[in-house]
């Protein structure tokens, strides 16, 4: 037996005896050691590596292996402190760090310095410090991890076919994981998922149910060809087969895209292929939709926007539409408007890059007030068309009113402007009396 092997055996035997009495963990080392007995039968042990071999701490019953450059064991506390090039490995987790403390009685692991933790599902956490609470049969059925100092966790998941989906990255002041599916983050949270980036002050993510909730000033931005932004008091993201399918904003919700601005108490966005397909807004403060030329107000608004291009807007209950008159042909002092129980706005589907209104359709108690070009084109004042009926349909071409149809119970008035009265110069004032 060579000298190094003999030293290793000498160090190993007392460790095994101690392990049998308490935590069933022992170390393998061939370097130097220092033992201090702090109380009868209670020791502090300090081990250092040789130039060619690290110290190895093993807990076979737990499947734990921890190589490191040096080790300090405090038997009275049930604590082992490992220093330098630490690699913690067990079936549920692996962690690389500069320092690591294993509290055997509490089944708690604290890693410090350049922490790189990998979960069995492929997810990875990087940060300055992390605390891992191992699962125990009696007190802790599910393992937990706490990380602080603004860590980053990259969540790797698979779709229903077993194929890896694009990862989700979470950056925050602190991150907590529970098992393999739950992630909680707090403090300046940034979530990146494919072409979507979300922000908030706190976040809860359930990867099994595919639900993410953002709180306290949250917002979400879509960054594909046609970007959009959504904000509110609370935002909830829902996925299907590892793809984002729905975004729900509650409380002072506001959705902005190239074609439309939508505001209300609650906004529900439906997403497909990374683009908005439908938006629904409702709430006590009413819903408002602003396009380049029109504004719609109602108790609820439903926007059909396949591939994020607005095609139809349904405004339901107490609906009103406001639009800018054609200022190129006349000057108007007020806006055009339409009211009804329901208003449907239809847009030109032949236009790709802009939202051009094609038709406004008011149903139920319909009224409309529109400015039209006067018969006398030399005048700079509009003709006025005010009508009421059960239904009113207004057609547009090139953003101009071309036709107004009234269905049932029709009544109204049409006014043409008249030229200003000319001054009569044929009559002269009588001379003053002398």
Protein backbone atom coordinates (compact mmCIF):
# COMPACT_ATOMS: atom_id res chain seq x y z
CA UNK A 1 0.00 0.00 0.00
CA UNK A 2 1.50 3.36 -1.03
CA UNK A 3 1.67 6.33 1.32
CA UNK A 4 -1.17 8.37 -0.35
CA UNK A 5 -3.57 5.43 -0.19
CA UNK A 6 -2.71 4.85 3.45
CA UNK A 7 -3.42 8.49 4.32
CA UNK A 8 -6.75 8.29 2.47
CA UNK A 9 -7.76 5.18 4.38
CA UNK A 10 -6.84 6.73 7.71
CA UNK A 11 -9.02 9.74 6.93
CA UNK A 12 -11.84 7.61 5.59
CA UNK A 13 -12.30 5.25 8.56
CA UNK A 14 -13.27 7.84 11.22
CA UNK A 15 -15.53 9.57 8.72
CA UNK A 16 -17.39 6.32 8.02
CA UNK A 17 -17.80 5.66 11.74
CA UNK A 18 -19.19 9.14 12.25
CA UNK A 19 -21.49 8.77 9.21
CA UNK A 20 -22.98 5.58 10.60
CA UNK A 21 -23.89 7.47 13.75
CA UNK A 22 -25.48 10.53 12.12
CA UNK A 23 -25.93 11.62 8.49
CA UNK A 24 -24.33 8.75 6.53
CA UNK A 25 -22.06 11.15 4.63
CA UNK A 26 -18.30 10.74 4.35
CA UNK A 27 -15.42 12.17 2.39
CA UNK A 28 -12.52 10.84 0.42
CA UNK A 29 -9.28 12.82 0.59
CA UNK A 30 -5.54 12.25 0.37
CA UNK A 31 -4.36 15.74 1.29
CA UNK A 32 -3.74 17.39 4.62
CA UNK A 33 -6.18 17.49 7.49
CA UNK A 34 -6.54 19.30 10.78
CA UNK A 35 -8.86 18.10 13.56
CA UNK A 36 -10.00 20.22 16.50
CA UNK A 37 -12.10 18.67 19.24
CA UNK A 38 -14.46 21.42 20.39
CA UNK A 39 -16.35 19.20 22.88
CA UNK A 40 -16.15 15.58 23.95
CA UNK A 41 -16.78 13.55 20.80
CA UNK A 42 -17.50 16.68 18.72
CA UNK A 43 -14.89 17.78 16.18
CA UNK A 44 -14.22 20.40 13.55
CA UNK A 45 -12.32 18.87 10.64
CA UNK A 46 -10.45 20.80 7.93
CA UNK A 47 -9.32 19.05 4.73
CA UNK A 48 -7.38 20.33 1.74
CA UNK A 49 -6.78 18.77 -1.67
CA UNK A 50 -3.60 17.47 -3.22
CA UNK A 51 -2.34 19.08 -6.45
CA UNK A 52 -3.90 16.31 -8.54
CA UNK A 53 -7.05 15.30 -6.66
CA UNK A 54 -10.02 17.13 -5.16
CA UNK A 55 -11.78 16.18 -1.96
CA UNK A 56 -15.01 14.24 -2.54
CA UNK A 57 -17.95 14.39 -0.14
CA UNK A 58 -20.45 11.57 -0.65
CA UNK A 59 -23.87 10.81 0.84
CA UNK A 60 -24.84 7.48 -0.78
CA UNK A 61 -28.34 7.27 0.76
CA UNK A 62 -29.16 10.62 -0.83
CA UNK A 63 -27.26 10.12 -4.07
CA UNK A 64 -25.14 13.23 -3.33
CA UNK A 65 -21.60 13.76 -4.61
CA UNK A 66 -19.69 17.01 -4.00
CA UNK A 67 -16.08 17.38 -5.15
CA UNK A 68 -14.27 20.54 -4.03
CA UNK A 69 -10.77 21.95 -3.40
CA UNK A 70 -11.15 22.03 0.40
CA UNK A 71 -13.69 21.03 3.04
CA UNK A 72 -14.63 22.08 6.56
CA UNK A 73 -16.85 19.82 8.65
CA UNK A 74 -18.54 21.11 11.82
CA UNK A 75 -19.95 18.01 13.47
CA UNK A 76 -21.75 19.85 16.27
CA UNK A 77 -23.81 21.81 13.70
CA UNK A 78 -24.20 19.06 11.14
CA UNK A 79 -22.71 21.49 8.60
CA UNK A 80 -20.19 20.93 5.83
CA UNK A 81 -18.56 23.88 4.06
CA UNK A 82 -16.85 23.28 0.70
CA UNK A 83 -14.52 25.75 -0.98
CA UNK A 84 -13.25 26.14 -4.54
CA UNK A 85 -14.51 24.57 -7.79
CA UNK A 86 -17.50 23.02 -6.02
CA UNK A 87 -19.76 20.72 -8.02
CA UNK A 88 -22.88 19.52 -6.20
CA UNK A 89 -24.63 16.61 -7.91
CA UNK A 90 -27.70 14.57 -7.02
CA UNK A 91 -30.51 12.97 -9.08
CA UNK A 92 -32.68 16.13 -8.91
CA UNK A 93 -30.09 18.86 -9.30
CA UNK A 94 -26.51 19.80 -10.14
CA UNK A 95 -24.85 23.04 -9.01
CA UNK A 96 -21.48 24.58 -9.77
CA UNK A 97 -20.29 27.37 -7.46
CA UNK A 98 -17.27 28.88 -5.73
CA UNK A 99 -18.54 27.97 -2.25
CA UNK A 100 -21.22 25.61 -0.96
CA UNK A 101 -22.62 24.83 2.48
CA UNK A 102 -24.55 21.61 3.12
CA UNK A 103 -26.73 21.63 6.26
CA UNK A 104 -27.27 17.91 6.70
CA UNK A 105 -29.91 18.02 9.43
CA UNK A 106 -32.07 20.52 7.53
CA UNK A 107 -31.33 19.03 4.09
CA UNK A 108 -30.44 22.55 2.96
CA UNK A 109 -27.78 23.52 0.43
CA UNK A 110 -26.52 27.10 0.03
CA UNK A 111 -24.30 27.91 -2.97
CA UNK A 112 -22.38 31.20 -3.30
CA UNK A 113 -20.35 32.74 -6.09
CA UNK A 114 -20.89 32.09 -9.81
CA UNK A 115 -23.80 29.74 -9.15
CA UNK A 116 -24.83 27.61 -12.14
CA UNK A 117 -27.70 25.24 -11.28
CA UNK A 118 -29.28 22.72 -13.65
CA UNK A 119 -32.63 21.04 -13.08
CA UNK A 120 -33.49 17.57 -14.40
CA UNK A 121 -35.86 18.99 -17.05
CA UNK A 122 -33.00 20.99 -18.59
CA UNK A 123 -33.83 24.35 -17.03
CA UNK A 124 -30.85 26.37 -15.83
CA UNK A 125 -30.43 29.05 -13.14
CA UNK A 126 -27.44 31.40 -13.02
CA UNK A 127 -26.77 33.96 -10.28
CA UNK A 128 -24.57 34.95 -7.35
CA UNK A 129 -26.32 32.93 -4.64
CA UNK A 130 -28.90 30.15 -4.41
CA UNK A 131 -30.44 28.15 -1.55
CA UNK A 132 -31.80 24.67 -2.24
CA UNK A 133 -34.16 22.86 0.13
CA UNK A 134 -34.11 19.16 -0.61
CA UNK A 135 -37.31 17.13 -0.48
CA UNK A 136 -37.76 15.08 2.70
CA UNK A 137 -40.27 12.27 3.35
CA UNK A 138 -41.86 13.91 6.40
CA UNK A 139 -41.50 17.70 6.32
CA UNK A 140 -40.91 18.78 2.70
CA UNK A 141 -42.52 16.69 -0.04
CA UNK A 142 -41.36 18.98 -2.88
CA UNK A 143 -37.94 20.56 -3.23
CA UNK A 144 -37.55 24.35 -3.43
CA UNK A 145 -34.86 26.74 -4.57
CA UNK A 146 -34.40 30.43 -3.67
CA UNK A 147 -32.03 32.66 -5.65
CA UNK A 148 -31.26 36.32 -5.00
CA UNK A 149 -28.93 38.97 -6.39
CA UNK A 150 -30.82 39.27 -9.71
CA UNK A 151 -30.47 35.72 -11.07
CA UNK A 152 -31.61 34.43 -14.45
CA UNK A 153 -33.48 31.19 -15.03
CA UNK A 154 -33.92 29.65 -18.48
CA UNK A 155 -36.91 27.30 -18.64
CA UNK A 156 -36.62 24.50 -21.18
CA UNK A 157 -39.84 22.67 -22.02
CA UNK A 158 -41.17 20.18 -24.54
CA UNK A 159 -44.34 20.19 -26.63
CA UNK A 160 -46.85 17.35 -26.85
CA UNK A 161 -44.68 15.58 -29.43
CA UNK A 162 -41.69 15.62 -27.09
CA UNK A 163 -39.86 18.25 -29.12
CA UNK A 164 -38.11 21.08 -27.26
CA UNK A 165 -39.96 24.38 -27.53
CA UNK A 166 -38.25 27.79 -27.57
CA UNK A 167 -37.04 28.52 -24.03
CA UNK A 168 -38.49 31.10 -21.65
CA UNK A 169 -35.98 33.28 -19.79
CA UNK A 170 -36.83 35.03 -16.52
CA UNK A 171 -34.62 37.77 -15.00
CA UNK A 172 -35.54 39.25 -11.61
CA UNK A 173 -34.15 40.47 -8.31
CA UNK A 174 -35.10 37.13 -6.74
CA UNK A 175 -36.45 33.84 -8.08
CA UNK A 176 -38.10 30.89 -6.33
CA UNK A 177 -38.74 27.49 -7.89
CA UNK A 178 -41.02 24.79 -6.47
CA UNK A 179 -40.55 21.37 -8.02
CA UNK A 180 -40.14 21.33 -11.79
CA UNK A 181 -43.12 23.48 -12.80
CA UNK A 182 -43.59 26.47 -10.49
CA UNK A 183 -41.48 29.63 -10.72
CA UNK A 184 -42.02 32.83 -8.73
CA UNK A 185 -40.04 36.02 -9.37
CA UNK A 186 -40.01 39.43 -7.70
CA UNK A 187 -38.43 42.80 -8.37
CA UNK A 188 -38.06 44.26 -11.88
CA UNK A 189 -39.08 41.02 -13.59
CA UNK A 190 -38.29 40.57 -17.30
CA UNK A 191 -39.69 37.52 -19.12
CA UNK A 192 -38.54 36.72 -22.66
CA UNK A 193 -40.35 34.13 -24.75
CA UNK A 194 -39.70 33.80 -28.49
CA UNK A 195 -40.68 37.22 -29.93
CA UNK A 196 -42.52 38.33 -26.77
CA UNK A 197 -41.05 40.25 -23.85
CA UNK A 198 -43.02 40.86 -20.64
CA UNK A 199 -42.23 43.05 -17.63
CA UNK A 200 -43.65 43.49 -14.14
CA UNK A 201 -42.67 43.80 -10.50
CA UNK A 202 -43.66 40.21 -9.67
CA UNK A 203 -44.44 37.03 -11.59
CA UNK A 204 -45.88 33.57 -11.02
CA UNK A 205 -45.36 30.88 -13.69
CA UNK A 206 -46.83 27.38 -13.82
CA UNK A 207 -45.17 25.58 -16.73
CA UNK A 208 -47.38 22.50 -16.30
CA UNK A 209 -50.62 24.48 -16.70
CA UNK A 210 -48.89 26.95 -19.05
CA UNK A 211 -50.04 30.04 -17.14
CA UNK A 212 -47.94 33.10 -16.30
CA UNK A 213 -49.24 35.98 -14.19
CA UNK A 214 -47.53 39.39 -13.94
CA UNK A 215 -48.43 41.94 -11.25
CA UNK A 216 -47.72 45.57 -10.32
CA UNK A 217 -47.31 47.65 -13.45
CA UNK A 218 -46.94 44.78 -15.94
CA UNK A 219 -46.63 45.08 -19.71
CA UNK A 220 -46.07 42.73 -22.63
CA UNK A 221 -44.65 43.48 -26.06
CA UNK A 222 -44.86 41.44 -29.24
CA UNK A 223 -41.78 42.02 -31.37
CA UNK A 224 -42.50 40.25 -34.62
CA UNK A 225 -43.15 41.94 -37.97
CA UNK A 226 -46.17 43.82 -36.56
CA UNK A 227 -45.35 44.71 -32.94
CA UNK A 228 -47.96 45.28 -30.22
CA UNK A 229 -47.94 46.31 -26.57
CA UNK A 230 -50.34 45.52 -23.72
CA UNK A 231 -50.36 46.99 -20.21
CA UNK A 232 -52.63 46.81 -17.15
CA UNK A 233 -52.70 46.20 -13.41
CA UNK A 234 -52.51 42.41 -13.84
CA UNK A 235 -51.52 40.49 -16.98
CA UNK A 236 -52.06 36.76 -17.43
CA UNK A 237 -50.46 34.78 -20.26
CA UNK A 238 -51.84 31.36 -21.22
CA UNK A 239 -50.24 28.86 -23.56
CA UNK A 240 -51.26 25.74 -25.42
CA UNK A 241 -48.73 23.07 -26.38
CA UNK A 242 -45.91 25.44 -25.30
CA UNK A 243 -47.10 28.28 -27.56
CA UNK A 244 -48.62 31.56 -26.38
CA UNK A 245 -52.36 31.57 -27.15
CA UNK A 246 -53.98 34.18 -24.90
CA UNK A 247 -53.02 37.37 -23.04
CA UNK A 248 -55.48 38.84 -20.52
CA UNK A 249 -54.95 42.33 -19.05
CA UNK A 250 -57.10 43.37 -16.07
CA UNK A 251 -57.32 46.86 -14.59
CA UNK A 252 -56.67 50.00 -16.69
CA UNK A 253 -55.86 47.79 -19.67
CA UNK A 254 -54.39 49.29 -22.84
CA UNK A 255 -53.45 47.48 -26.06
CA UNK A 256 -51.56 49.25 -28.84
CA UNK A 257 -50.79 47.98 -32.34
CA UNK A 258 -49.97 49.66 -35.64
CA UNK A 259 -53.65 49.85 -36.59
CA UNK A 260 -55.50 50.26 -33.30
CA UNK A 261 -55.38 51.51 -29.72
CA UNK A 262 -57.79 49.66 -27.41
CA UNK A 263 -58.50 50.69 -23.79
CA UNK A 264 -60.86 49.37 -21.11
CA UNK A 265 -60.95 47.74 -17.66
CA UNK A 266 -60.24 44.32 -19.18
CA UNK A 267 -58.70 43.35 -22.52
CA UNK A 268 -58.50 39.77 -23.79
CA UNK A 269 -56.06 39.17 -26.66
CA UNK A 270 -55.98 35.93 -28.63
CA UNK A 271 -52.65 35.07 -30.25
CA UNK A 272 -51.75 32.71 -33.08
CA UNK A 273 -48.40 32.26 -34.83
CA UNK A 274 -47.01 35.04 -32.65
CA UNK A 275 -49.53 37.61 -33.98
CA UNK A 276 -52.76 39.01 -32.57
CA UNK A 277 -55.87 37.40 -34.08
CA UNK A 278 -58.66 38.86 -31.92
CA UNK A 279 -59.11 41.42 -29.14
CA UNK A 280 -62.07 41.79 -26.77
CA UNK A 281 -62.43 44.70 -24.31
CA UNK A 282 -65.07 45.33 -21.64
CA UNK A 283 -65.65 46.80 -18.18
CA UNK A 284 -67.49 49.44 -16.11
CA UNK A 285 -65.41 52.28 -17.54
CA UNK A 286 -66.47 51.15 -21.05
CA UNK A 287 -64.29 50.16 -23.95
CA UNK A 288 -62.67 52.48 -26.51
CA UNK A 289 -61.07 51.65 -29.84
CA UNK A 290 -59.04 54.27 -31.75
CA UNK A 291 -57.97 53.77 -35.33
CA UNK A 292 -56.33 56.31 -37.63
CA UNK A 293 -59.68 57.87 -38.56
CA UNK A 294 -62.33 56.53 -36.17
CA UNK A 295 -63.09 56.14 -32.47
CA UNK A 296 -65.58 53.58 -31.16
CA UNK A 297 -67.01 53.60 -27.62
CA UNK A 298 -69.29 50.94 -26.10
CA UNK A 299 -69.80 48.70 -23.09
CA UNK A 300 -67.78 46.04 -24.92
CA UNK A 301 -65.76 45.91 -28.13
CA UNK A 302 -64.75 42.83 -30.14
CA UNK A 303 -62.04 43.29 -32.77
CA UNK A 304 -61.48 40.68 -35.47
CA UNK A 305 -57.88 41.09 -36.61
CA UNK A 306 -56.51 38.02 -38.40
CA UNK A 307 -52.71 38.15 -38.69
CA UNK A 308 -52.91 41.36 -36.63
CA UNK A 309 -54.75 43.34 -39.33
CA UNK A 310 -58.00 44.95 -38.22
CA UNK A 311 -60.94 43.81 -40.37
CA UNK A 312 -64.10 44.18 -38.24
CA UNK A 313 -64.94 45.87 -34.95
CA UNK A 314 -68.16 45.09 -33.05
CA UNK A 315 -69.17 47.72 -30.46
CA UNK A 316 -72.03 46.43 -28.30
CA UNK A 317 -74.47 48.28 -25.98
CA UNK A 318 -74.66 52.04 -26.07
CA UNK A 319 -72.24 52.22 -28.98
CA UNK A 320 -70.94 55.47 -30.45
CA UNK A 321 -68.58 56.14 -33.35
CA UNK A 322 -66.72 59.40 -33.93
CA UNK A 323 -64.71 60.34 -37.00
CA UNK A 324 -62.87 63.28 -38.49
CA UNK A 325 -64.66 65.01 -41.38
CA UNK A 326 -62.96 65.33 -44.77
CA UNK A 327 -60.94 68.50 -44.20
CA UNK A 328 -59.57 68.51 -47.77
CA UNK A 329 -62.92 69.59 -49.27
CA UNK A 330 -64.53 71.69 -46.54
CA UNK A 331 -64.04 73.00 -43.04
CA UNK A 332 -66.22 71.49 -40.27
CA UNK A 333 -66.57 72.74 -36.71
CA UNK A 334 -67.68 69.38 -35.21
CA UNK A 335 -66.92 65.67 -35.71
CA UNK A 336 -68.97 63.10 -37.58
CA UNK A 337 -70.78 60.67 -35.30
CA UNK A 338 -73.05 57.64 -35.22
CA UNK A 339 -74.90 56.02 -32.32
CA UNK A 340 -76.84 52.80 -31.84
CA UNK A 341 -77.34 49.78 -29.62
CA UNK A 342 -74.63 48.05 -31.69
CA UNK A 343 -72.19 49.45 -34.23
CA UNK A 344 -70.17 47.34 -36.65
CA UNK A 345 -67.15 48.89 -38.38
CA UNK A 346 -65.81 47.07 -41.42
CA UNK A 347 -62.46 47.89 -42.97
CA UNK A 348 -61.07 47.53 -46.48
CA UNK A 349 -59.55 44.05 -46.78
CA UNK A 350 -57.76 44.95 -50.03
CA UNK A 351 -55.48 47.39 -48.23
CA UNK A 352 -52.44 45.80 -46.60
CA UNK A 353 -50.63 48.46 -44.60
CA UNK A 354 -53.35 50.88 -43.43
CA UNK A 355 -56.75 50.68 -41.77
CA UNK A 356 -59.30 52.20 -44.13
CA UNK A 357 -62.93 52.29 -43.05
CA UNK A 358 -65.30 50.73 -45.60
CA UNK A 359 -68.62 50.65 -43.74
CA UNK A 360 -70.28 51.70 -40.49
CA UNK A 361 -73.45 49.83 -39.55
CA UNK A 362 -75.57 50.95 -36.57
CA UNK A 363 -78.29 48.56 -35.35
CA UNK A 364 -81.07 49.54 -32.92
CA UNK A 365 -82.03 53.16 -32.12
CA UNK A 366 -79.62 54.29 -34.79
CA UNK A 367 -78.68 57.96 -35.34
CA UNK A 368 -75.98 59.58 -37.42
CA UNK A 369 -74.67 63.09 -38.04
CA UNK A 370 -72.28 63.46 -40.95
CA UNK A 371 -70.67 66.25 -42.95
CA UNK A 372 -70.80 65.85 -46.72
CA UNK A 373 -69.33 67.77 -49.63
CA UNK A 374 -71.72 70.57 -50.72
CA UNK A 375 -73.34 70.65 -54.13
CA UNK A 376 -71.62 73.96 -54.74
CA UNK A 377 -67.97 72.90 -54.67
CA UNK A 378 -66.84 76.51 -54.49
CA UNK A 379 -68.09 76.73 -50.93
CA UNK A 380 -65.80 75.83 -48.05
CA UNK A 381 -68.64 74.73 -45.80
CA UNK A 382 -70.11 71.20 -45.60
CA UNK A 383 -73.61 69.91 -46.15
CA UNK A 384 -75.16 68.34 -43.05
CA UNK A 385 -76.89 64.97 -43.02
CA UNK A 386 -78.73 63.92 -39.82
CA UNK A 387 -80.88 60.76 -39.90
CA UNK A 388 -82.49 58.32 -37.46
CA UNK A 389 -83.87 54.82 -37.95
CA UNK A 390 -83.78 51.25 -36.75
CA UNK A 391 -80.62 50.67 -38.75
CA UNK A 392 -78.22 52.98 -40.56
CA UNK A 393 -75.50 51.88 -42.98
CA UNK A 394 -72.86 54.39 -44.09
CA UNK A 395 -70.50 53.50 -46.94
CA UNK A 396 -67.04 55.02 -47.29
CA UNK A 397 -64.58 55.30 -50.14
CA UNK A 398 -61.11 56.74 -49.68
CA UNK A 399 -62.16 57.72 -46.15
CA UNK A 400 -65.10 59.77 -47.48
CA UNK A 401 -68.83 59.21 -46.98
CA UNK A 402 -70.37 58.04 -50.27
CA UNK A 403 -73.79 56.70 -49.26
CA UNK A 404 -76.16 56.68 -46.26
CA UNK A 405 -78.93 54.05 -46.08
CA UNK A 406 -81.63 54.09 -43.39
CA UNK A 407 -83.69 50.96 -42.67
CA UNK A 408 -87.19 51.32 -41.11
CA UNK A 409 -88.47 54.21 -39.00
CA UNK A 410 -86.43 56.54 -41.18
CA UNK A 411 -86.45 60.28 -40.58
CA UNK A 412 -83.96 63.08 -40.79
CA UNK A 413 -82.84 66.27 -42.40
CA UNK A 414 -80.32 67.24 -45.08
CA UNK A 415 -78.99 70.80 -45.20
CA UNK A 416 -76.96 72.41 -47.96
CA UNK A 417 -74.87 75.50 -47.23
CA UNK A 418 -75.84 78.72 -49.00
CA UNK A 419 -73.53 81.47 -50.22
CA UNK A 420 -73.09 84.41 -47.88
CA UNK A 421 -75.46 87.29 -48.76
CA UNK A 422 -73.75 89.78 -51.13
CA UNK A 423 -73.48 93.43 -50.05
CA UNK A 424 -75.98 95.77 -51.86
CA UNK A 425 -73.93 98.71 -53.23
CA UNK A 426 -76.79 100.26 -55.34
CA UNK A 427 -78.24 102.06 -52.35
CA UNK A 428 -76.31 105.03 -51.01
CA UNK A 429 -76.72 106.77 -47.75
CA UNK A 430 -78.77 110.00 -47.80
CA UNK A 431 -76.70 113.19 -47.45
CA UNK A 432 -76.64 114.78 -44.10
CA UNK A 433 -78.86 117.80 -43.62
CA UNK A 434 -77.12 121.20 -43.67
